[in-house]
N, C-alpha and C. Protein backbone atom coordinates (compact mmCIF):
# COMPACT_ATOMS: atom_id res chain seq x y z
N MET A 1 -15.50 -7.94 -0.68
CA MET A 1 -14.40 -8.68 -0.05
C MET A 1 -13.22 -7.75 0.17
N LYS A 2 -12.40 -8.13 1.12
CA LYS A 2 -11.15 -7.41 1.41
C LYS A 2 -9.99 -8.32 1.08
N TYR A 3 -8.93 -7.72 0.54
CA TYR A 3 -7.73 -8.48 0.19
C TYR A 3 -6.49 -7.62 0.48
N ILE A 4 -5.38 -8.31 0.64
CA ILE A 4 -4.08 -7.65 0.71
C ILE A 4 -3.35 -7.98 -0.59
N VAL A 5 -2.77 -6.96 -1.20
CA VAL A 5 -2.01 -7.14 -2.42
C VAL A 5 -0.57 -6.74 -2.13
N CYS A 6 0.35 -7.58 -2.55
CA CYS A 6 1.77 -7.31 -2.41
C CYS A 6 2.33 -7.13 -3.82
N ALA A 7 2.60 -5.87 -4.19
CA ALA A 7 3.03 -5.58 -5.56
C ALA A 7 4.52 -5.76 -5.80
N HIS A 8 5.27 -6.00 -4.74
CA HIS A 8 6.71 -6.23 -4.88
C HIS A 8 7.14 -7.23 -3.82
N LYS A 9 7.99 -8.16 -4.21
CA LYS A 9 8.38 -9.25 -3.32
C LYS A 9 9.08 -8.78 -2.04
N ILE A 10 9.62 -7.58 -2.04
CA ILE A 10 10.27 -7.07 -0.83
C ILE A 10 9.28 -6.94 0.34
N PHE A 11 7.99 -6.84 0.01
CA PHE A 11 6.96 -6.69 1.04
C PHE A 11 6.24 -7.99 1.39
N ASN A 12 6.68 -9.12 0.83
CA ASN A 12 5.98 -10.40 1.06
C ASN A 12 5.80 -10.73 2.53
N GLU A 13 6.86 -10.62 3.30
CA GLU A 13 6.78 -10.97 4.72
C GLU A 13 5.86 -10.02 5.47
N ASN A 14 5.91 -8.74 5.14
CA ASN A 14 5.03 -7.77 5.78
C ASN A 14 3.56 -8.05 5.45
N ALA A 15 3.30 -8.41 4.20
CA ALA A 15 1.94 -8.74 3.80
C ALA A 15 1.44 -9.97 4.54
N GLU A 16 2.29 -10.96 4.68
CA GLU A 16 1.91 -12.18 5.41
C GLU A 16 1.60 -11.88 6.87
N CYS A 17 2.41 -11.06 7.50
CA CYS A 17 2.17 -10.68 8.90
C CYS A 17 0.83 -9.95 9.04
N LEU A 18 0.57 -8.99 8.17
CA LEU A 18 -0.68 -8.25 8.24
C LEU A 18 -1.86 -9.17 7.98
N SER A 19 -1.72 -10.06 7.01
CA SER A 19 -2.79 -11.01 6.70
C SER A 19 -3.16 -11.86 7.92
N GLN A 20 -2.16 -12.36 8.60
CA GLN A 20 -2.41 -13.17 9.79
C GLN A 20 -3.02 -12.35 10.91
N LYS A 21 -2.55 -11.12 11.05
CA LYS A 21 -3.00 -10.25 12.13
C LYS A 21 -4.47 -9.84 11.98
N ILE A 22 -4.88 -9.50 10.77
CA ILE A 22 -6.25 -9.00 10.57
C ILE A 22 -7.16 -10.00 9.85
N ASN A 23 -6.62 -11.19 9.58
CA ASN A 23 -7.39 -12.26 8.95
C ASN A 23 -8.00 -11.85 7.60
N VAL A 24 -7.15 -11.27 6.77
CA VAL A 24 -7.54 -10.88 5.42
C VAL A 24 -6.60 -11.60 4.46
N PRO A 25 -7.15 -12.28 3.44
CA PRO A 25 -6.28 -13.05 2.54
C PRO A 25 -5.42 -12.17 1.63
N ILE A 26 -4.29 -12.73 1.25
CA ILE A 26 -3.40 -12.10 0.28
C ILE A 26 -3.76 -12.64 -1.09
N THR A 27 -3.76 -11.76 -2.07
CA THR A 27 -3.99 -12.20 -3.45
C THR A 27 -2.85 -11.68 -4.33
N SER A 28 -2.45 -12.48 -5.28
CA SER A 28 -1.41 -12.04 -6.21
C SER A 28 -2.02 -11.52 -7.51
N THR A 29 -3.28 -11.82 -7.72
CA THR A 29 -3.98 -11.30 -8.89
C THR A 29 -5.22 -10.55 -8.41
N ILE A 30 -5.47 -9.43 -9.02
CA ILE A 30 -6.63 -8.63 -8.63
C ILE A 30 -7.77 -8.94 -9.59
N ASP A 31 -8.67 -9.78 -9.13
CA ASP A 31 -9.87 -10.13 -9.89
C ASP A 31 -11.01 -9.31 -9.30
N ALA A 32 -10.99 -8.01 -9.57
CA ALA A 32 -11.83 -7.05 -8.87
C ALA A 32 -13.31 -7.14 -9.22
N LYS A 33 -14.08 -6.96 -8.17
CA LYS A 33 -15.53 -6.82 -8.30
C LYS A 33 -15.89 -5.52 -7.59
N ALA A 34 -16.89 -4.85 -8.09
CA ALA A 34 -17.30 -3.58 -7.49
C ALA A 34 -17.50 -3.76 -5.99
N GLY A 35 -16.95 -2.84 -5.23
CA GLY A 35 -17.07 -2.89 -3.78
C GLY A 35 -15.92 -3.56 -3.06
N ASP A 36 -15.05 -4.27 -3.79
CA ASP A 36 -13.89 -4.90 -3.16
C ASP A 36 -12.96 -3.81 -2.62
N VAL A 37 -12.24 -4.15 -1.56
CA VAL A 37 -11.26 -3.24 -0.97
C VAL A 37 -9.92 -3.96 -0.92
N TYR A 38 -8.88 -3.28 -1.38
CA TYR A 38 -7.54 -3.85 -1.41
C TYR A 38 -6.59 -3.01 -0.57
N ILE A 39 -5.88 -3.66 0.32
CA ILE A 39 -4.80 -3.03 1.08
C ILE A 39 -3.54 -3.30 0.29
N ILE A 40 -2.86 -2.25 -0.14
CA ILE A 40 -1.78 -2.42 -1.10
C ILE A 40 -0.41 -2.10 -0.51
N PHE A 41 0.47 -3.10 -0.54
CA PHE A 41 1.90 -2.91 -0.29
C PHE A 41 2.57 -2.73 -1.64
N GLY A 42 3.37 -1.69 -1.82
CA GLY A 42 4.10 -1.50 -3.07
C GLY A 42 3.25 -0.93 -4.18
N ALA A 43 2.25 -0.14 -3.86
CA ALA A 43 1.36 0.44 -4.88
C ALA A 43 2.12 1.29 -5.89
N HIS A 44 3.25 1.84 -5.47
CA HIS A 44 4.04 2.68 -6.38
C HIS A 44 4.51 1.92 -7.62
N VAL A 45 4.63 0.60 -7.51
CA VAL A 45 5.11 -0.23 -8.62
C VAL A 45 4.04 -0.43 -9.69
N ILE A 46 2.77 -0.45 -9.26
CA ILE A 46 1.67 -0.74 -10.20
C ILE A 46 0.61 0.36 -10.20
N ALA A 47 1.01 1.58 -9.91
CA ALA A 47 0.05 2.68 -9.75
C ALA A 47 -0.83 2.87 -10.98
N ASP A 48 -0.25 2.81 -12.17
CA ASP A 48 -1.05 3.02 -13.39
C ASP A 48 -2.13 1.95 -13.53
N LYS A 49 -1.79 0.70 -13.25
CA LYS A 49 -2.77 -0.39 -13.34
C LYS A 49 -3.87 -0.24 -12.29
N LEU A 50 -3.48 0.15 -11.08
CA LEU A 50 -4.47 0.35 -10.01
C LEU A 50 -5.44 1.46 -10.36
N LEU A 51 -4.94 2.54 -10.92
CA LEU A 51 -5.82 3.65 -11.32
C LEU A 51 -6.81 3.23 -12.39
N MET A 52 -6.33 2.52 -13.40
CA MET A 52 -7.23 2.06 -14.47
C MET A 52 -8.29 1.12 -13.92
N LEU A 53 -7.89 0.21 -13.06
CA LEU A 53 -8.84 -0.73 -12.46
C LEU A 53 -9.88 0.01 -11.62
N GLN A 54 -9.43 0.97 -10.84
CA GLN A 54 -10.36 1.72 -10.01
C GLN A 54 -11.34 2.54 -10.86
N ARG A 55 -10.87 3.02 -11.99
CA ARG A 55 -11.74 3.77 -12.90
C ARG A 55 -12.78 2.85 -13.54
N ASP A 56 -12.35 1.64 -13.92
CA ASP A 56 -13.23 0.73 -14.65
C ASP A 56 -14.15 -0.08 -13.73
N VAL A 57 -13.65 -0.45 -12.57
CA VAL A 57 -14.42 -1.23 -11.60
C VAL A 57 -14.35 -0.45 -10.29
N LYS A 58 -15.45 -0.16 -9.71
CA LYS A 58 -15.47 0.67 -8.50
C LYS A 58 -14.95 -0.11 -7.30
N VAL A 59 -13.62 -0.12 -7.14
CA VAL A 59 -12.96 -0.78 -6.02
C VAL A 59 -12.32 0.28 -5.14
N GLY A 60 -12.03 -0.09 -3.89
CA GLY A 60 -11.35 0.82 -2.98
C GLY A 60 -9.95 0.32 -2.67
N TYR A 61 -9.08 1.25 -2.39
CA TYR A 61 -7.71 0.90 -2.01
C TYR A 61 -7.36 1.59 -0.70
N ILE A 62 -6.56 0.92 0.07
CA ILE A 62 -5.87 1.52 1.21
C ILE A 62 -4.40 1.39 0.87
N ILE A 63 -3.74 2.51 0.70
CA ILE A 63 -2.35 2.53 0.25
C ILE A 63 -1.42 2.61 1.45
N LEU A 64 -0.50 1.65 1.54
CA LEU A 64 0.53 1.66 2.56
C LEU A 64 1.77 2.25 1.92
N ASN A 65 1.94 3.57 2.07
CA ASN A 65 3.05 4.26 1.43
C ASN A 65 4.35 3.98 2.16
N SER A 66 5.30 3.45 1.43
CA SER A 66 6.61 3.13 2.00
C SER A 66 7.71 3.98 1.37
N GLU A 67 7.30 4.98 0.61
CA GLU A 67 8.27 5.79 -0.13
C GLU A 67 8.67 7.03 0.66
N PRO A 68 9.97 7.21 0.89
CA PRO A 68 10.43 8.40 1.61
C PRO A 68 10.39 9.64 0.72
N GLU A 69 10.45 10.80 1.36
CA GLU A 69 10.51 12.05 0.60
C GLU A 69 11.72 12.00 -0.34
N ASN A 70 11.60 12.69 -1.45
CA ASN A 70 12.63 12.75 -2.50
C ASN A 70 12.84 11.43 -3.23
N ASN A 71 11.94 10.49 -3.08
CA ASN A 71 12.01 9.22 -3.80
C ASN A 71 11.48 9.43 -5.21
N MET A 72 12.03 8.70 -6.17
CA MET A 72 11.61 8.87 -7.57
C MET A 72 10.13 8.57 -7.79
N TYR A 73 9.55 7.69 -6.99
CA TYR A 73 8.13 7.36 -7.17
C TYR A 73 7.22 8.51 -6.78
N LEU A 74 7.72 9.43 -5.97
CA LEU A 74 6.93 10.60 -5.60
C LEU A 74 6.96 11.67 -6.69
N LYS A 75 7.56 11.30 -7.82
CA LYS A 75 7.51 12.14 -9.02
C LYS A 75 6.64 11.47 -10.10
N ASN A 76 6.14 10.29 -9.80
CA ASN A 76 5.31 9.53 -10.73
C ASN A 76 3.87 10.03 -10.66
N LYS A 77 3.39 10.59 -11.75
CA LYS A 77 2.05 11.20 -11.75
C LYS A 77 0.95 10.18 -11.43
N TYR A 78 1.13 8.92 -11.81
CA TYR A 78 0.11 7.92 -11.52
C TYR A 78 0.07 7.60 -10.02
N TYR A 79 1.25 7.49 -9.41
CA TYR A 79 1.30 7.21 -7.98
C TYR A 79 0.72 8.38 -7.18
N ILE A 80 1.07 9.59 -7.56
CA ILE A 80 0.54 10.76 -6.86
C ILE A 80 -0.98 10.82 -7.00
N SER A 81 -1.49 10.58 -8.19
CA SER A 81 -2.94 10.56 -8.40
C SER A 81 -3.60 9.48 -7.55
N LEU A 82 -2.97 8.32 -7.48
CA LEU A 82 -3.50 7.22 -6.69
C LEU A 82 -3.57 7.56 -5.21
N ILE A 83 -2.50 8.14 -4.68
CA ILE A 83 -2.51 8.43 -3.25
C ILE A 83 -3.34 9.67 -2.92
N LYS A 84 -3.60 10.50 -3.90
CA LYS A 84 -4.49 11.64 -3.66
C LYS A 84 -5.95 11.20 -3.57
N SER A 85 -6.28 10.09 -4.20
CA SER A 85 -7.68 9.68 -4.29
C SER A 85 -8.03 8.46 -3.44
N ASN A 86 -7.13 8.05 -2.55
CA ASN A 86 -7.37 6.88 -1.70
C ASN A 86 -6.77 7.12 -0.32
N PRO A 87 -7.30 6.42 0.70
CA PRO A 87 -6.70 6.54 2.03
C PRO A 87 -5.25 6.06 2.03
N VAL A 88 -4.39 6.81 2.71
CA VAL A 88 -2.96 6.52 2.75
C VAL A 88 -2.50 6.39 4.20
N PHE A 89 -1.69 5.38 4.44
CA PHE A 89 -0.98 5.23 5.70
C PHE A 89 0.50 5.31 5.37
N CYS A 90 1.26 6.04 6.15
CA CYS A 90 2.69 6.20 5.90
C CYS A 90 3.51 5.44 6.92
N TYR A 91 4.70 5.03 6.51
CA TYR A 91 5.55 4.24 7.39
C TYR A 91 6.31 5.09 8.40
N ASP A 92 6.39 6.41 8.16
CA ASP A 92 7.01 7.27 9.17
C ASP A 92 6.47 8.69 9.05
N LYS A 93 6.66 9.46 10.10
CA LYS A 93 6.13 10.82 10.15
C LYS A 93 6.73 11.74 9.08
N PRO A 94 8.05 11.72 8.86
CA PRO A 94 8.59 12.61 7.81
C PRO A 94 7.97 12.38 6.43
N SER A 95 7.70 11.13 6.06
CA SER A 95 7.10 10.90 4.74
C SER A 95 5.67 11.43 4.71
N GLY A 96 4.94 11.27 5.81
CA GLY A 96 3.58 11.81 5.89
C GLY A 96 3.58 13.33 5.84
N ASP A 97 4.53 13.95 6.54
CA ASP A 97 4.65 15.41 6.51
C ASP A 97 4.97 15.89 5.10
N HIS A 98 5.83 15.16 4.41
CA HIS A 98 6.19 15.51 3.03
C HIS A 98 4.97 15.42 2.10
N LEU A 99 4.20 14.36 2.23
CA LEU A 99 3.01 14.23 1.38
C LEU A 99 2.03 15.37 1.62
N LYS A 100 1.90 15.77 2.87
CA LYS A 100 1.00 16.88 3.21
C LYS A 100 1.52 18.19 2.60
N LYS A 101 2.79 18.47 2.80
CA LYS A 101 3.38 19.73 2.34
C LYS A 101 3.43 19.83 0.82
N GLU A 102 3.88 18.77 0.16
CA GLU A 102 4.07 18.80 -1.30
C GLU A 102 2.79 18.60 -2.10
N PHE A 103 1.89 17.74 -1.60
CA PHE A 103 0.75 17.33 -2.41
C PHE A 103 -0.60 17.56 -1.75
N GLY A 104 -0.59 18.03 -0.51
CA GLY A 104 -1.86 18.24 0.20
C GLY A 104 -2.54 16.95 0.61
N ILE A 105 -1.76 15.89 0.75
CA ILE A 105 -2.31 14.57 1.08
C ILE A 105 -2.23 14.37 2.59
N ASP A 106 -3.38 14.11 3.20
CA ASP A 106 -3.42 13.79 4.62
C ASP A 106 -3.34 12.28 4.80
N CYS A 107 -2.32 11.83 5.49
CA CYS A 107 -2.23 10.41 5.82
C CYS A 107 -3.16 10.12 6.98
N PHE A 108 -3.89 9.03 6.90
CA PHE A 108 -4.82 8.66 7.96
C PHE A 108 -4.08 8.32 9.25
N SER A 109 -2.97 7.65 9.09
CA SER A 109 -2.18 7.23 10.24
C SER A 109 -0.87 6.70 9.72
N SER A 110 -0.14 6.05 10.61
CA SER A 110 1.11 5.43 10.18
C SER A 110 1.02 3.93 10.41
N PHE A 111 1.96 3.23 9.84
CA PHE A 111 2.06 1.78 10.04
C PHE A 111 3.52 1.46 10.22
N PHE A 112 3.80 0.30 10.71
CA PHE A 112 5.19 -0.11 10.82
C PHE A 112 5.34 -1.46 10.14
N PHE A 113 6.54 -1.70 9.70
CA PHE A 113 6.82 -2.97 9.04
C PHE A 113 7.00 -4.03 10.11
N GLU A 114 6.15 -5.02 10.04
CA GLU A 114 6.20 -6.11 11.00
C GLU A 114 6.87 -7.31 10.33
N PHE A 115 7.65 -8.03 11.08
CA PHE A 115 8.34 -9.19 10.55
C PHE A 115 8.01 -10.40 11.41
N MET A 116 8.11 -11.57 10.81
CA MET A 116 7.80 -12.80 11.51
C MET A 116 8.86 -13.11 12.56
N LYS A 117 8.39 -13.62 13.62
CA LYS A 117 9.30 -14.00 14.71
C LYS A 117 9.91 -15.35 14.38
N ILE A 118 11.21 -15.41 14.44
CA ILE A 118 11.90 -16.69 14.19
C ILE A 118 12.08 -17.38 15.53
N GLU A 119 11.52 -18.56 15.63
CA GLU A 119 11.55 -19.31 16.89
C GLU A 119 12.89 -20.01 17.13
N LYS A 120 13.56 -20.35 16.06
CA LYS A 120 14.79 -21.12 16.16
C LYS A 120 15.98 -20.22 15.86
N GLU A 121 17.02 -20.34 16.66
CA GLU A 121 18.21 -19.54 16.41
C GLU A 121 18.91 -20.05 15.17
N ILE A 122 19.47 -19.13 14.43
CA ILE A 122 20.22 -19.48 13.22
C ILE A 122 21.69 -19.55 13.59
N PRO A 123 22.35 -20.69 13.36
CA PRO A 123 23.77 -20.82 13.76
C PRO A 123 24.69 -19.95 12.92
């Protein structure tokens, strides 16, 4: 199965948009089974847990990196290990270039933050 995981509430709307766009459900708990694939928003927040789960249960991750260069999470050994061992998409070219230069990580592509369209004007 495929799932979208939102590890921080700041990404809730983005996760909902992606879920609707690609018809993949969002889960708040990872009840992993071997072969499951998770698209992760905010992986930097739970990198240690994701690594342990991937080690114990053979699951795949697609990491949506939203961290800019010089961010404190790019000094987190668990997050770096996680993004070195899984496909990564970056939100902008400079962050992808930084991951390549500093860590030898090739980003597969980029993504953009999508937001829901509000149909009604707010007074």
